[in-house]
Amino acid sequence: MNASSVEIRGVVQEVLPNARFLCKTEDGRNVTCHVGGDMRMKVVRVLPGEGVVMELSSLDPSKGRIVGKTGISSQG
């Protein structure tokens, strides 16, 4: 994590083209994210409804990178 970034939890809402995801944060904001390098190298699959940990830039908080998955999901 960079000094100028913030980690926040959320849920994947939708899969977008070009390996991007629309995620909703815990505080209700929508963020467009891509999968971070470590997760891409390990070929971790991200599906709608899964809980994720995002790293948001302080310069543009509407864009971020998915750096991990959580055990929380929006589906029963």
C-alpha atoms as a PDB file:
ATOM      1  CA  MET A   1       0.000   0.000   0.000  1.00  0.00           C
ATOM      2  CA  ASN A   2       1.338   3.409  -0.990  1.00  0.00           C
ATOM      3  CA  ALA A   3       1.409   6.304   1.442  1.00  0.00           C
ATOM      4  CA  SER A   4      -1.077   8.185  -0.742  1.00  0.00           C
ATOM      5  CA  SER A   5      -3.643   5.359  -0.959  1.00  0.00           C
ATOM      6  CA  VAL A   6      -6.463   4.224   1.323  1.00  0.00           C
ATOM      7  CA  GLU A   7      -7.680   0.641   1.880  1.00  0.00           C
ATOM      8  CA  ILE A   8     -11.439   0.149   2.052  1.00  0.00           C
ATOM      9  CA  ARG A   9     -13.791  -2.844   1.918  1.00  0.00           C
ATOM     10  CA  GLY A  10     -16.656  -3.300  -0.503  1.00  0.00           C
ATOM     11  CA  VAL A  11     -18.666  -5.665  -2.677  1.00  0.00           C
ATOM     12  CA  VAL A  12     -18.355  -6.293  -6.426  1.00  0.00           C
ATOM     13  CA  GLN A  13     -21.579  -5.159  -8.097  1.00  0.00           C
ATOM     14  CA  GLU A  14     -20.861  -5.738 -11.785  1.00  0.00           C
ATOM     15  CA  VAL A  15     -18.152  -7.053 -14.123  1.00  0.00           C
ATOM     16  CA  LEU A  16     -17.156  -4.472 -16.768  1.00  0.00           C
ATOM     17  CA  PRO A  17     -15.143  -4.881 -19.990  1.00  0.00           C
ATOM     18  CA  ASN A  18     -11.314  -4.785 -19.966  1.00  0.00           C
ATOM     19  CA  ALA A  19     -10.938  -6.632 -16.642  1.00  0.00           C
ATOM     20  CA  ARG A  20     -12.622  -3.889 -14.611  1.00  0.00           C
ATOM     21  CA  PHE A  21     -15.247  -4.133 -11.895  1.00  0.00           C
ATOM     22  CA  LEU A  22     -17.885  -1.818 -10.487  1.00  0.00           C
ATOM     23  CA  CYS A  23     -17.664  -2.061  -6.702  1.00  0.00           C
ATOM     24  CA  LYS A  24     -19.744  -0.524  -3.932  1.00  0.00           C
ATOM     25  CA  THR A  25     -17.868   0.522  -0.793  1.00  0.00           C
ATOM     26  CA  GLU A  26     -19.157   0.092   2.761  1.00  0.00           C
ATOM     27  CA  ASP A  27     -20.131   3.764   2.837  1.00  0.00           C
ATOM     28  CA  GLY A  28     -22.189   3.472  -0.382  1.00  0.00           C
ATOM     29  CA  ARG A  29     -19.849   4.972  -3.007  1.00  0.00           C
ATOM     30  CA  ASN A  30     -19.409   3.357  -6.428  1.00  0.00           C
ATOM     31  CA  VAL A  31     -15.795   2.743  -7.461  1.00  0.00           C
ATOM     32  CA  THR A  32     -14.383   1.404 -10.733  1.00  0.00           C
ATOM     33  CA  CYS A  33     -11.586  -1.071  -9.944  1.00  0.00           C
ATOM     34  CA  HIS A  34      -9.124  -3.357 -11.656  1.00  0.00           C
ATOM     35  CA  VAL A  35      -7.388  -6.394 -10.175  1.00  0.00           C
ATOM     36  CA  GLY A  36      -4.003  -5.684  -8.566  1.00  0.00           C
ATOM     37  CA  GLY A  37      -0.766  -7.327  -9.683  1.00  0.00           C
ATOM     38  CA  ASP A  38      -0.451 -10.006  -6.987  1.00  0.00           C
ATOM     39  CA  MET A  39      -4.015 -11.206  -7.517  1.00  0.00           C
ATOM     40  CA  ARG A  40      -3.536 -11.177 -11.291  1.00  0.00           C
ATOM     41  CA  MET A  41      -0.344 -13.251 -11.024  1.00  0.00           C
ATOM     42  CA  LYS A  42      -2.091 -15.815  -8.791  1.00  0.00           C
ATOM     43  CA  VAL A  43      -5.115 -15.866 -11.165  1.00  0.00           C
ATOM     44  CA  VAL A  44      -7.698 -15.149  -8.482  1.00  0.00           C
ATOM     45  CA  ARG A  45     -11.228 -15.062  -9.886  1.00  0.00           C
ATOM     46  CA  VAL A  46     -13.489 -12.193  -8.792  1.00  0.00           C
ATOM     47  CA  LEU A  47     -17.256 -12.618  -9.230  1.00  0.00           C
ATOM     48  CA  PRO A  48     -20.222 -10.286  -8.646  1.00  0.00           C
ATOM     49  CA  GLY A  49     -21.434 -10.358  -5.053  1.00  0.00           C
ATOM     50  CA  GLU A  50     -18.029 -11.147  -3.526  1.00  0.00           C
ATOM     51  CA  GLY A  51     -16.492  -9.015  -0.818  1.00  0.00           C
ATOM     52  CA  VAL A  52     -13.184  -7.368  -1.731  1.00  0.00           C
ATOM     53  CA  VAL A  53     -10.528  -5.108  -0.242  1.00  0.00           C
ATOM     54  CA  MET A  54      -9.814  -2.109  -2.477  1.00  0.00           C
ATOM     55  CA  GLU A  55      -6.961   0.346  -2.513  1.00  0.00           C
ATOM     56  CA  LEU A  56      -8.148   3.824  -3.510  1.00  0.00           C
ATOM     57  CA  SER A  57      -5.904   6.618  -4.689  1.00  0.00           C
ATOM     58  CA  SER A  58      -6.098   9.883  -2.790  1.00  0.00           C
ATOM     59  CA  LEU A  59      -5.951  11.759  -6.116  1.00  0.00           C
ATOM     60  CA  ASP A  60      -9.018  10.066  -7.662  1.00  0.00           C
ATOM     61  CA  PRO A  61     -11.163   8.169  -5.114  1.00  0.00           C
ATOM     62  CA  SER A  62     -13.582   7.002  -7.854  1.00  0.00           C
ATOM     63  CA  LYS A  63     -10.956   4.563  -9.189  1.00  0.00           C
ATOM     64  CA  GLY A  64      -9.094   1.836  -7.381  1.00  0.00           C
ATOM     65  CA  ARG A  65      -7.443  -1.546  -7.397  1.00  0.00           C
ATOM     66  CA  ILE A  66      -8.652  -4.790  -5.852  1.00  0.00           C
ATOM     67  CA  VAL A  67      -5.897  -6.091  -3.576  1.00  0.00           C
ATOM     68  CA  GLY A  68      -7.705  -8.902  -1.758  1.00  0.00           C
ATOM     69  CA  LYS A  69     -10.899 -10.809  -1.127  1.00  0.00           C
ATOM     70  CA  THR A  70     -12.914 -11.041   2.083  1.00  0.00           C
ATOM     71  CA  GLY A  71     -15.212 -13.774   3.311  1.00  0.00           C
ATOM     72  CA  ILE A  72     -18.186 -11.404   3.138  1.00  0.00           C
ATOM     73  CA  SER A  73     -20.589 -11.695   0.223  1.00  0.00           C
ATOM     74  CA  SER A  74     -23.911 -10.110  -0.592  1.00  0.00           C
ATOM     75  CA  GLN A  75     -25.421 -13.437  -1.636  1.00  0.00           C
ATOM     76  CA  GLY A  76     -26.956 -15.673   1.070  1.00  0.00           C
END
